[in-house]
Amino acid sequence: MRTSIAIAIFFCLWFITLFGVLPFFAKTQDEAGEVVPGTPESAPSRINIWKLFLVNTLVAIVAFAVVYVVIANFDAIAGFFGVVLGREPAN
């Protein structure tokens, strides 16, 4: 895999995993007990963005490692399905 493609895949995975990690560290204003007038109670009170980015980066690294192993080991989809179905890959 070329380096530029690996970087592009990593950044795509990073932003995708961000949406999965984001809710884990969100504390609402209602939970914190200090609702600012004019905002909904479900609005976040304080977010430690650097902690969120660090955890998200670790999750994205694990996801990228899985994608890299799959791409490196199963580079031919036809060969992959041949192995799964118990047939030899076509040359």
PDB file of N, CA and C in Angstrom:
ATOM      1  N   MET A   1       0.843  -1.164   0.000  1.00  0.00           N
ATOM      2  CA  MET A   1       0.000   0.000   0.000  1.00  0.00           C
ATOM      3  C   MET A   1       0.897   1.238   0.000  1.00  0.00           C
ATOM      4  N   ARG A   2       0.577   2.161  -0.869  1.00  0.00           N
ATOM      5  CA  ARG A   2       1.349   3.396  -0.927  1.00  0.00           C
ATOM      6  C   ARG A   2       1.072   4.248   0.307  1.00  0.00           C
ATOM      7  N   THR A   3       2.058   5.047   0.674  1.00  0.00           N
ATOM      8  CA  THR A   3       1.951   5.872   1.877  1.00  0.00           C
ATOM      9  C   THR A   3       0.810   6.878   1.772  1.00  0.00           C
ATOM     10  N   SER A   4       0.640   7.486   0.615  1.00  0.00           N
ATOM     11  CA  SER A   4      -0.426   8.481   0.459  1.00  0.00           C
ATOM     12  C   SER A   4      -1.805   7.847   0.621  1.00  0.00           C
ATOM     13  N   ILE A   5      -1.969   6.640   0.118  1.00  0.00           N
ATOM     14  CA  ILE A   5      -3.252   5.947   0.265  1.00  0.00           C
ATOM     15  C   ILE A   5      -3.472   5.555   1.722  1.00  0.00           C
ATOM     16  N   ALA A   6      -2.412   5.117   2.394  1.00  0.00           N
ATOM     17  CA  ALA A   6      -2.522   4.746   3.809  1.00  0.00           C
ATOM     18  C   ALA A   6      -2.925   5.952   4.654  1.00  0.00           C
ATOM     19  N   ILE A   7      -2.338   7.109   4.377  1.00  0.00           N
ATOM     20  CA  ILE A   7      -2.682   8.329   5.121  1.00  0.00           C
ATOM     21  C   ILE A   7      -4.135   8.723   4.859  1.00  0.00           C
ATOM     22  N   ALA A   8      -4.568   8.632   3.603  1.00  0.00           N
ATOM     23  CA  ALA A   8      -5.953   8.972   3.266  1.00  0.00           C
ATOM     24  C   ALA A   8      -6.934   8.029   3.962  1.00  0.00           C
ATOM     25  N   ILE A   9      -6.632   6.741   3.971  1.00  0.00           N
ATOM     26  CA  ILE A   9      -7.503   5.774   4.641  1.00  0.00           C
ATOM     27  C   ILE A   9      -7.535   6.048   6.140  1.00  0.00           C
ATOM     28  N   PHE A  10      -6.373   6.363   6.723  1.00  0.00           N
ATOM     29  CA  PHE A  10      -6.337   6.642   8.166  1.00  0.00           C
ATOM     30  C   PHE A  10      -7.201   7.846   8.515  1.00  0.00           C
ATOM     31  N   PHE A  11      -7.100   8.926   7.750  1.00  0.00           N
ATOM     32  CA  PHE A  11      -7.892  10.111   8.065  1.00  0.00           C
ATOM     33  C   PHE A  11      -9.381   9.863   7.863  1.00  0.00           C
ATOM     34  N   CYS A  12      -9.741   9.084   6.856  1.00  0.00           N
ATOM     35  CA  CYS A  12     -11.158   8.725   6.692  1.00  0.00           C
ATOM     36  C   CYS A  12     -11.646   7.927   7.894  1.00  0.00           C
ATOM     37  N   LEU A  13     -10.853   6.948   8.316  1.00  0.00           N
ATOM     38  CA  LEU A  13     -11.223   6.155   9.489  1.00  0.00           C
ATOM     39  C   LEU A  13     -11.264   7.016  10.749  1.00  0.00           C
ATOM     40  N   TRP A  14     -10.360   7.980  10.856  1.00  0.00           N
ATOM     41  CA  TRP A  14     -10.324   8.842  12.037  1.00  0.00           C
ATOM     42  C   TRP A  14     -11.630   9.625  12.170  1.00  0.00           C
ATOM     43  N   PHE A  15     -12.099  10.198  11.065  1.00  0.00           N
ATOM     44  CA  PHE A  15     -13.330  10.977  11.127  1.00  0.00           C
ATOM     45  C   PHE A  15     -14.552  10.089  11.308  1.00  0.00           C
ATOM     46  N   ILE A  16     -14.533   8.886  10.753  1.00  0.00           N
ATOM     47  CA  ILE A  16     -15.654   7.960  10.949  1.00  0.00           C
ATOM     48  C   ILE A  16     -15.728   7.526  12.407  1.00  0.00           C
ATOM     49  N   THR A  17     -14.577   7.187  12.998  1.00  0.00           N
ATOM     50  CA  THR A  17     -14.586   6.749  14.396  1.00  0.00           C
ATOM     51  C   THR A  17     -14.882   7.904  15.353  1.00  0.00           C
ATOM     52  N   LEU A  18     -14.651   9.130  14.921  1.00  0.00           N
ATOM     53  CA  LEU A  18     -14.963  10.281  15.771  1.00  0.00           C
ATOM     54  C   LEU A  18     -16.438  10.293  16.149  1.00  0.00           C
ATOM     55  N   PHE A  19     -17.302   9.964  15.198  1.00  0.00           N
ATOM     56  CA  PHE A  19     -18.734   9.962  15.484  1.00  0.00           C
ATOM     57  C   PHE A  19     -19.123   8.840  16.438  1.00  0.00           C
ATOM     58  N   GLY A  20     -18.341   7.778  16.479  1.00  0.00           N
ATOM     59  CA  GLY A  20     -18.606   6.702  17.422  1.00  0.00           C
ATOM     60  C   GLY A  20     -18.079   6.992  18.813  1.00  0.00           C
ATOM     61  N   VAL A  21     -16.973   7.721  18.909  1.00  0.00           N
ATOM     62  CA  VAL A  21     -16.337   8.003  20.200  1.00  0.00           C
ATOM     63  C   VAL A  21     -16.940   9.246  20.858  1.00  0.00           C
ATOM     64  N   LEU A  22     -17.430  10.161  20.087  1.00  0.00           N
ATOM     65  CA  LEU A  22     -17.926  11.442  20.599  1.00  0.00           C
ATOM     66  C   LEU A  22     -18.953  11.325  21.729  1.00  0.00           C
ATOM     67  N   PRO A  23     -19.936  10.450  21.653  1.00  0.00           N
ATOM     68  CA  PRO A  23     -20.931  10.398  22.738  1.00  0.00           C
ATOM     69  C   PRO A  23     -20.394   9.885  24.074  1.00  0.00           C
ATOM     70  N   PHE A  24     -19.276   9.172  24.080  1.00  0.00           N
ATOM     71  CA  PHE A  24     -18.786   8.578  25.318  1.00  0.00           C
ATOM     72  C   PHE A  24     -18.282   9.611  26.323  1.00  0.00           C
ATOM     73  N   PHE A  25     -17.858  10.756  25.876  1.00  0.00           N
ATOM     74  CA  PHE A  25     -17.293  11.756  26.776  1.00  0.00           C
ATOM     75  C   PHE A  25     -18.163  13.001  26.887  1.00  0.00           C
ATOM     76  N   ALA A  26     -19.377  12.943  26.359  1.00  0.00           N
ATOM     77  CA  ALA A  26     -20.269  14.099  26.412  1.00  0.00           C
ATOM     78  C   ALA A  26     -21.080  14.066  27.699  1.00  0.00           C
ATOM     79  N   LYS A  27     -21.022  15.147  28.438  1.00  0.00           N
ATOM     80  CA  LYS A  27     -21.820  15.306  29.650  1.00  0.00           C
ATOM     81  C   LYS A  27     -22.757  16.482  29.403  1.00  0.00           C
ATOM     82  N   THR A  28     -24.047  16.232  29.525  1.00  0.00           N
ATOM     83  CA  THR A  28     -25.015  17.283  29.216  1.00  0.00           C
ATOM     84  C   THR A  28     -25.057  18.327  30.325  1.00  0.00           C
ATOM     85  N   GLN A  29     -25.619  19.476  29.986  1.00  0.00           N
ATOM     86  CA  GLN A  29     -25.771  20.536  30.979  1.00  0.00           C
ATOM     87  C   GLN A  29     -26.723  20.101  32.086  1.00  0.00           C
ATOM     88  N   ASP A  30     -27.704  19.283  31.744  1.00  0.00           N
ATOM     89  CA  ASP A  30     -28.645  18.794  32.749  1.00  0.00           C
ATOM     90  C   ASP A  30     -27.942  17.878  33.747  1.00  0.00           C
ATOM     91  N   GLU A  31     -27.047  17.009  33.251  1.00  0.00           N
ATOM     92  CA  GLU A  31     -26.290  16.124  34.141  1.00  0.00           C
ATOM     93  C   GLU A  31     -25.326  16.914  35.024  1.00  0.00           C
ATOM     94  N   ALA A  32     -24.771  17.991  34.482  1.00  0.00           N
ATOM     95  CA  ALA A  32     -23.833  18.813  35.246  1.00  0.00           C
ATOM     96  C   ALA A  32     -24.554  19.715  36.245  1.00  0.00           C
ATOM     97  N   GLY A  33     -25.844  19.950  36.015  1.00  0.00           N
ATOM     98  CA  GLY A  33     -26.619  20.775  36.937  1.00  0.00           C
ATOM     99  C   GLY A  33     -26.489  22.259  36.705  1.00  0.00           C
ATOM    100  N   GLU A  34     -25.974  22.672  35.590  1.00  0.00           N
ATOM    101  CA  GLU A  34     -25.823  24.099  35.291  1.00  0.00           C
ATOM    102  C   GLU A  34     -26.262  24.364  33.858  1.00  0.00           C
ATOM    103  N   VAL A  35     -27.557  24.569  33.675  1.00  0.00           N
ATOM    104  CA  VAL A  35     -28.122  24.827  32.354  1.00  0.00           C
ATOM    105  C   VAL A  35     -28.045  26.320  32.071  1.00  0.00           C
ATOM    106  N   VAL A  36     -27.400  26.670  30.975  1.00  0.00           N
ATOM    107  CA  VAL A  36     -27.283  28.068  30.561  1.00  0.00           C
ATOM    108  C   VAL A  36     -28.608  28.487  29.935  1.00  0.00           C
ATOM    109  N   PRO A  37     -29.177  29.628  30.355  1.00  0.00           N
ATOM    110  CA  PRO A  37     -30.445  30.073  29.776  1.00  0.00           C
ATOM    111  C   PRO A  37     -30.327  30.255  28.259  1.00  0.00           C
ATOM    112  N   GLY A  38     -31.358  29.785  27.559  1.00  0.00           N
ATOM    113  CA  GLY A  38     -31.387  29.905  26.108  1.00  0.00           C
ATOM    114  C   GLY A  38     -30.790  28.713  25.382  1.00  0.00           C
ATOM    115  N   THR A  39     -30.296  27.723  26.125  1.00  0.00           N
ATOM    116  CA  THR A  39     -29.744  26.516  25.504  1.00  0.00           C
ATOM    117  C   THR A  39     -30.551  25.307  25.966  1.00  0.00           C
ATOM    118  N   PRO A  40     -30.604  24.264  25.147  1.00  0.00           N
ATOM    119  CA  PRO A  40     -31.327  23.066  25.577  1.00  0.00           C
ATOM    120  C   PRO A  40     -30.574  22.338  26.689  1.00  0.00           C
ATOM    121  N   GLU A  41     -31.313  21.586  27.481  1.00  0.00           N
ATOM    122  CA  GLU A  41     -30.687  20.847  28.585  1.00  0.00           C
ATOM    123  C   GLU A  41     -29.740  19.765  28.081  1.00  0.00           C
ATOM    124  N   SER A  42     -29.964  19.313  26.844  1.00  0.00           N
ATOM    125  CA  SER A  42     -29.133  18.236  26.289  1.00  0.00           C
ATOM    126  C   SER A  42     -27.836  18.742  25.663  1.00  0.00           C
ATOM    127  N   ALA A  43     -27.609  20.048  25.684  1.00  0.00           N
ATOM    128  CA  ALA A  43     -26.366  20.596  25.136  1.00  0.00           C
ATOM    129  C   ALA A  43     -25.189  20.185  26.026  1.00  0.00           C
ATOM    130  N   PRO A  44     -24.029  19.931  25.426  1.00  0.00           N
ATOM    131  CA  PRO A  44     -22.878  19.530  26.249  1.00  0.00           C
ATOM    132  C   PRO A  44     -22.422  20.666  27.152  1.00  0.00           C
ATOM    133  N   SER A  45     -22.005  20.295  28.368  1.00  0.00           N
ATOM    134  CA  SER A  45     -21.547  21.323  29.305  1.00  0.00           C
ATOM    135  C   SER A  45     -20.079  21.643  29.064  1.00  0.00           C
ATOM    136  N   ARG A  46     -19.234  20.657  29.211  1.00  0.00           N
ATOM    137  CA  ARG A  46     -17.804  20.847  28.940  1.00  0.00           C
ATOM    138  C   ARG A  46     -17.271  19.569  28.329  1.00  0.00           C
ATOM    139  N   ILE A  47     -16.487  19.718  27.295  1.00  0.00           N
ATOM    140  CA  ILE A  47     -15.901  18.561  26.623  1.00  0.00           C
ATOM    141  C   ILE A  47     -14.388  18.722  26.651  1.00  0.00           C
ATOM    142  N   ASN A  48     -13.710  17.699  27.125  1.00  0.00           N
ATOM    143  CA  ASN A  48     -12.252  17.682  27.074  1.00  0.00           C
ATOM    144  C   ASN A  48     -11.866  17.180  25.682  1.00  0.00           C
ATOM    145  N   ILE A  49     -11.706  18.114  24.756  1.00  0.00           N
ATOM    146  CA  ILE A  49     -11.527  17.764  23.350  1.00  0.00           C
ATOM    147  C   ILE A  49     -10.228  17.009  23.104  1.00  0.00           C
ATOM    148  N   TRP A  50      -9.180  17.319  23.866  1.00  0.00           N
ATOM    149  CA  TRP A  50      -7.899  16.638  23.651  1.00  0.00           C
ATOM    150  C   TRP A  50      -7.967  15.183  24.090  1.00  0.00           C
ATOM    151  N   LYS A  51      -8.679  14.901  25.171  1.00  0.00           N
ATOM    152  CA  LYS A  51      -8.883  13.515  25.603  1.00  0.00           C
ATOM    153  C   LYS A  51      -9.709  12.769  24.558  1.00  0.00           C
ATOM    154  N   LEU A  52     -10.730  13.432  24.041  1.00  0.00           N
ATOM    155  CA  LEU A  52     -11.565  12.841  23.003  1.00  0.00           C
ATOM    156  C   LEU A  52     -10.745  12.519  21.759  1.00  0.00           C
ATOM    157  N   PHE A  53      -9.904  13.455  21.327  1.00  0.00           N
ATOM    158  CA  PHE A  53      -9.071  13.224  20.148  1.00  0.00           C
ATOM    159  C   PHE A  53      -8.058  12.109  20.376  1.00  0.00           C
ATOM    160  N   LEU A  54      -7.509  12.025  21.578  1.00  0.00           N
ATOM    161  CA  LEU A  54      -6.544  10.970  21.883  1.00  0.00           C
ATOM    162  C   LEU A  54      -7.197   9.589  21.829  1.00  0.00           C
ATOM    163  N   VAL A  55      -8.335   9.444  22.480  1.00  0.00           N
ATOM    164  CA  VAL A  55      -9.042   8.158  22.458  1.00  0.00           C
ATOM    165  C   VAL A  55      -9.476   7.822  21.036  1.00  0.00           C
ATOM    166  N   ASN A  56      -9.953   8.811  20.307  1.00  0.00           N
ATOM    167  CA  ASN A  56     -10.370   8.581  18.926  1.00  0.00           C
ATOM    168  C   ASN A  56      -9.195   8.157  18.058  1.00  0.00           C
ATOM    169  N   THR A  57      -8.037   8.750  18.268  1.00  0.00           N
ATOM    170  CA  THR A  57      -6.851   8.368  17.503  1.00  0.00           C
ATOM    171  C   THR A  57      -6.465   6.928  17.791  1.00  0.00           C
ATOM    172  N   LEU A  58      -6.548   6.508  19.045  1.00  0.00           N
ATOM    173  CA  LEU A  58      -6.233   5.118  19.391  1.00  0.00           C
ATOM    174  C   LEU A  58      -7.214   4.150  18.739  1.00  0.00           C
ATOM    175  N   VAL A  59      -8.490   4.493  18.739  1.00  0.00           N
ATOM    176  CA  VAL A  59      -9.496   3.648  18.088  1.00  0.00           C
ATOM    177  C   VAL A  59      -9.252   3.603  16.582  1.00  0.00           C
ATOM    178  N   ALA A  60      -8.912   4.746  15.989  1.00  0.00           N
ATOM    179  CA  ALA A  60      -8.648   4.793  14.550  1.00  0.00           C
ATOM    180  C   ALA A  60      -7.400   3.993  14.187  1.00  0.00           C
ATOM    181  N   ILE A  61      -6.392   3.982  15.050  1.00  0.00           N
ATOM    182  CA  ILE A  61      -5.183   3.188  14.794  1.00  0.00           C
ATOM    183  C   ILE A  61      -5.522   1.707  14.777  1.00  0.00           C
ATOM    184  N   VAL A  62      -6.344   1.264  15.716  1.00  0.00           N
ATOM    185  CA  VAL A  62      -6.753  -0.146  15.741  1.00  0.00           C
ATOM    186  C   VAL A  62      -7.563  -0.484  14.486  1.00  0.00           C
ATOM    187  N   ALA A  63      -8.492   0.390  14.112  1.00  0.00           N
ATOM    188  CA  ALA A  63      -9.295   0.161  12.910  1.00  0.00           C
ATOM    189  C   ALA A  63      -8.414   0.148  11.666  1.00  0.00           C
ATOM    190  N   PHE A  64      -7.439   1.050  11.606  1.00  0.00           N
ATOM    191  CA  PHE A  64      -6.536   1.085  10.455  1.00  0.00           C
ATOM    192  C   PHE A  64      -5.688  -0.177  10.391  1.00  0.00           C
ATOM    193  N   ALA A  65      -5.252  -0.680  11.539  1.00  0.00           N
ATOM    194  CA  ALA A  65      -4.462  -1.913  11.553  1.00  0.00           C
ATOM    195  C   ALA A  65      -5.265  -3.072  10.981  1.00  0.00           C
ATOM    196  N   VAL A  66      -6.542  -3.141  11.329  1.00  0.00           N
ATOM    197  CA  VAL A  66      -7.399  -4.199  10.787  1.00  0.00           C
ATOM    198  C   VAL A  66      -7.539  -4.043   9.275  1.00  0.00           C
ATOM    199  N   VAL A  67      -7.803  -2.826   8.819  1.00  0.00           N
ATOM    200  CA  VAL A  67      -7.945  -2.578   7.381  1.00  0.00           C
ATOM    201  C   VAL A  67      -6.643  -2.893   6.654  1.00  0.00           C
ATOM    202  N   TYR A  68      -5.519  -2.507   7.230  1.00  0.00           N
ATOM    203  CA  TYR A  68      -4.224  -2.760   6.595  1.00  0.00           C
ATOM    204  C   TYR A  68      -3.950  -4.252   6.464  1.00  0.00           C
ATOM    205  N   VAL A  69      -4.242  -5.011   7.517  1.00  0.00           N
ATOM    206  CA  VAL A  69      -4.018  -6.464   7.465  1.00  0.00           C
ATOM    207  C   VAL A  69      -4.907  -7.098   6.406  1.00  0.00           C
ATOM    208  N   VAL A  70      -6.151  -6.662   6.330  1.00  0.00           N
ATOM    209  CA  VAL A  70      -7.059  -7.216   5.323  1.00  0.00           C
ATOM    210  C   VAL A  70      -6.564  -6.882   3.923  1.00  0.00           C
ATOM    211  N   ILE A  71      -6.149  -5.649   3.698  1.00  0.00           N
ATOM    212  CA  ILE A  71      -5.673  -5.257   2.370  1.00  0.00           C
ATOM    213  C   ILE A  71      -4.372  -5.972   2.027  1.00  0.00           C
ATOM    214  N   ALA A  72      -3.474  -6.101   2.983  1.00  0.00           N
ATOM    215  CA  ALA A  72      -2.179  -6.727   2.721  1.00  0.00           C
ATOM    216  C   ALA A  72      -2.301  -8.227   2.481  1.00  0.00           C
ATOM    217  N   ASN A  73      -3.212  -8.890   3.182  1.00  0.00           N
ATOM    218  CA  ASN A  73      -3.314 -10.340   3.068  1.00  0.00           C
ATOM    219  C   ASN A  73      -4.325 -10.810   2.034  1.00  0.00           C
ATOM    220  N   PHE A  74      -5.346 -10.044   1.795  1.00  0.00           N
ATOM    221  CA  PHE A  74      -6.381 -10.440   0.850  1.00  0.00           C
ATOM    222  C   PHE A  74      -6.462  -9.405  -0.264  1.00  0.00           C
ATOM    223  N   ASP A  75      -5.416  -9.317  -1.061  1.00  0.00           N
ATOM    224  CA  ASP A  75      -5.368  -8.278  -2.081  1.00  0.00           C
ATOM    225  C   ASP A  75      -6.241  -8.596  -3.281  1.00  0.00           C
ATOM    226  N   ALA A  76      -6.611  -9.837  -3.477  1.00  0.00           N
ATOM    227  CA  ALA A  76      -7.484 -10.196  -4.586  1.00  0.00           C
ATOM    228  C   ALA A  76      -8.802 -10.699  -4.007  1.00  0.00           C
ATOM    229  N   ILE A  77      -9.863  -9.961  -4.260  1.00  0.00           N
ATOM    230  CA  ILE A  77     -11.166 -10.333  -3.706  1.00  0.00           C
ATOM    231  C   ILE A  77     -11.601 -11.695  -4.231  1.00  0.00           C
ATOM    232  N   ALA A  78     -11.355 -11.971  -5.497  1.00  0.00           N
ATOM    233  CA  ALA A  78     -11.733 -13.272  -6.054  1.00  0.00           C
ATOM    234  C   ALA A  78     -10.980 -14.393  -5.342  1.00  0.00           C
ATOM    235  N   GLY A  79      -9.716 -14.181  -5.079  1.00  0.00           N
ATOM    236  CA  GLY A  79      -8.943 -15.182  -4.351  1.00  0.00           C
ATOM    237  C   GLY A  79      -9.443 -15.355  -2.935  1.00  0.00           C
ATOM    238  N   PHE A  80      -9.869 -14.264  -2.324  1.00  0.00           N
ATOM    239  CA  PHE A  80     -10.394 -14.336  -0.959  1.00  0.00           C
ATOM    240  C   PHE A  80     -11.655 -15.191  -0.911  1.00  0.00           C
ATOM    241  N   PHE A  81     -12.576 -14.944  -1.848  1.00  0.00           N
ATOM    242  CA  PHE A  81     -13.805 -15.727  -1.845  1.00  0.00           C
ATOM    243  C   PHE A  81     -13.542 -17.174  -2.226  1.00  0.00           C
ATOM    244  N   GLY A  82     -12.534 -17.410  -3.055  1.00  0.00           N
ATOM    245  CA  GLY A  82     -12.170 -18.787  -3.378  1.00  0.00           C
ATOM    246  C   GLY A  82     -11.683 -19.535  -2.150  1.00  0.00           C
ATOM    247  N   VAL A  83     -10.901 -18.883  -1.322  1.00  0.00           N
ATOM    248  CA  VAL A  83     -10.399 -19.507  -0.095  1.00  0.00           C
ATOM    249  C   VAL A  83     -11.546 -19.745   0.882  1.00  0.00           C
ATOM    250  N   VAL A  84     -12.448 -18.788   0.999  1.00  0.00           N
ATOM    251  CA  VAL A  84     -13.577 -18.930   1.916  1.00  0.00           C
ATOM    252  C   VAL A  84     -14.482 -20.078   1.481  1.00  0.00           C
ATOM    253  N   LEU A  85     -14.699 -20.215   0.187  1.00  0.00           N
ATOM    254  CA  LEU A  85     -15.591 -21.256  -0.318  1.00  0.00           C
ATOM    255  C   LEU A  85     -14.886 -22.593  -0.509  1.00  0.00           C
ATOM    256  N   GLY A  86     -13.601 -22.655  -0.221  1.00  0.00           N
ATOM    257  CA  GLY A  86     -12.870 -23.914  -0.316  1.00  0.00           C
ATOM    258  C   GLY A  86     -12.332 -24.225  -1.698  1.00  0.00           C
ATOM    259  N   ARG A  87     -12.280 -23.237  -2.571  1.00  0.00           N
ATOM    260  CA  ARG A  87     -11.740 -23.436  -3.919  1.00  0.00           C
ATOM    261  C   ARG A  87     -10.409 -22.720  -4.048  1.00  0.00           C
ATOM    262  N   GLU A  88      -9.612 -23.197  -4.939  1.00  0.00           N
ATOM    263  CA  GLU A  88      -8.328 -22.550  -5.219  1.00  0.00           C
ATOM    264  C   GLU A  88      -8.578 -21.265  -6.000  1.00  0.00           C
ATOM    265  N   PRO A  89      -7.816 -20.197  -5.725  1.00  0.00           N
ATOM    266  CA  PRO A  89      -7.975 -18.959  -6.492  1.00  0.00           C
ATOM    267  C   PRO A  89      -7.539 -19.145  -7.938  1.00  0.00           C
ATOM    268  N   ALA A  90      -8.252 -18.490  -8.836  1.00  0.00           N
ATOM    269  CA  ALA A  90      -7.926 -18.568 -10.265  1.00  0.00           C
ATOM    270  C   ALA A  90      -6.699 -17.732 -10.561  1.00  0.00           C
ATOM    271  N   ASN A  91      -5.861 -18.220 -11.448  1.00  0.00           N
ATOM    272  CA  ASN A  91      -4.649 -17.477 -11.830  1.00  0.00           C
ATOM    273  C   ASN A  91      -4.857 -16.716 -13.090  1.00  0.00           C
TER     274      ASN A  91
END
